[in-house]
Structures are given as structure tokens and as C-alpha cells.
């Protein structure tokens, strides 16, 4: 991946960025209630703070 926006090319993942205090966090759908959330350090080209979260 050269640019984090490339994640959006996979519609099944329902990729989006979060807002408010988590504005630099990306969310990817795993199951109906579960999401992978992560931050991307562009300078270091790495994923940070990877979590599996229950949204409901």
C-alpha cells in the first residue's frame, strides 16, 4: 500500500475514518458488530494501535 486511501478500494471492508477525538483512526468491518480499528503512521509506513472492537 502506497497511500492509506487505497484501503477504500475494497468495498466489502466498509472502510472509513472516524471523527472527533479519533479522527486519525481507520475502521474496517470484520463482522456485523466487530471492527478493526487502526492508525497509520505515514512517515514510518506502519500500522499502529490495531484493535478489534465491538461497536454495539
Protein backbone atom coordinates (compact mmCIF):
# COMPACT_ATOMS: atom_id res chain seq x y z
CA UNK A 1 0.00 0.00 0.00
CA UNK A 2 1.44 3.34 -1.02
CA UNK A 3 -1.38 5.52 0.30
CA UNK A 4 -3.90 4.78 3.10
CA UNK A 5 -6.71 5.85 0.75
CA UNK A 6 -6.10 2.59 -1.14
CA UNK A 7 -7.99 0.83 1.67
CA UNK A 8 -11.17 2.37 0.29
CA UNK A 9 -10.81 0.30 -2.91
CA UNK A 10 -12.16 -2.75 -1.03
CA UNK A 11 -15.91 -2.03 -0.58
CA UNK A 12 -16.60 -5.21 1.43
CA UNK A 13 -14.46 -3.84 4.28
CA UNK A 14 -16.65 -0.71 4.64
CA UNK A 15 -13.53 1.33 5.31
CA UNK A 16 -13.91 4.80 6.79
CA UNK A 17 -12.12 7.17 9.10
CA UNK A 18 -13.53 8.01 12.49
CA UNK A 19 -14.29 11.51 13.73
CA UNK A 20 -13.93 13.66 16.85
CA UNK A 21 -11.18 12.55 19.23
CA UNK A 22 -10.42 9.52 16.98
CA UNK A 23 -10.12 11.46 13.73
CA UNK A 24 -6.86 9.75 12.66
CA UNK A 25 -8.27 6.26 13.20
CA UNK A 26 -9.42 3.99 10.38
CA UNK A 27 -12.22 1.44 10.76
CA UNK A 28 -12.63 -1.78 8.75
CA UNK A 29 -15.65 -4.07 9.03
CA UNK A 30 -14.96 -7.64 10.20
CA UNK A 31 -18.43 -8.89 11.17
CA UNK A 32 -21.74 -7.25 11.88
CA UNK A 33 -20.66 -5.93 15.30
CA UNK A 34 -16.87 -6.16 15.09
CA UNK A 35 -14.47 -3.67 13.55
CA UNK A 36 -10.72 -3.48 13.18
CA UNK A 37 -9.56 -0.01 14.11
CA UNK A 38 -6.07 1.24 13.44
CA UNK A 39 -3.92 4.26 12.94
CA UNK A 40 -1.44 4.57 10.09
CA UNK A 41 1.91 6.27 10.64
CA UNK A 42 2.59 7.55 7.14
CA UNK A 43 6.12 8.74 7.91
CA UNK A 44 7.19 5.33 9.24
CA UNK A 45 4.91 3.42 6.82
CA UNK A 46 3.45 1.24 9.55
CA UNK A 47 0.17 0.39 11.26
CA UNK A 48 -0.18 1.49 14.89
CA UNK A 49 -2.77 0.81 17.59
CA UNK A 50 -4.51 -2.12 15.91
CA UNK A 51 -7.66 -3.16 17.82
CA UNK A 52 -10.63 -5.48 17.36
CA UNK A 53 -13.64 -3.61 18.75
CA UNK A 54 -17.27 -4.44 19.42
CA UNK A 55 -19.26 -1.48 18.13
CA UNK A 56 -22.51 -2.43 19.86
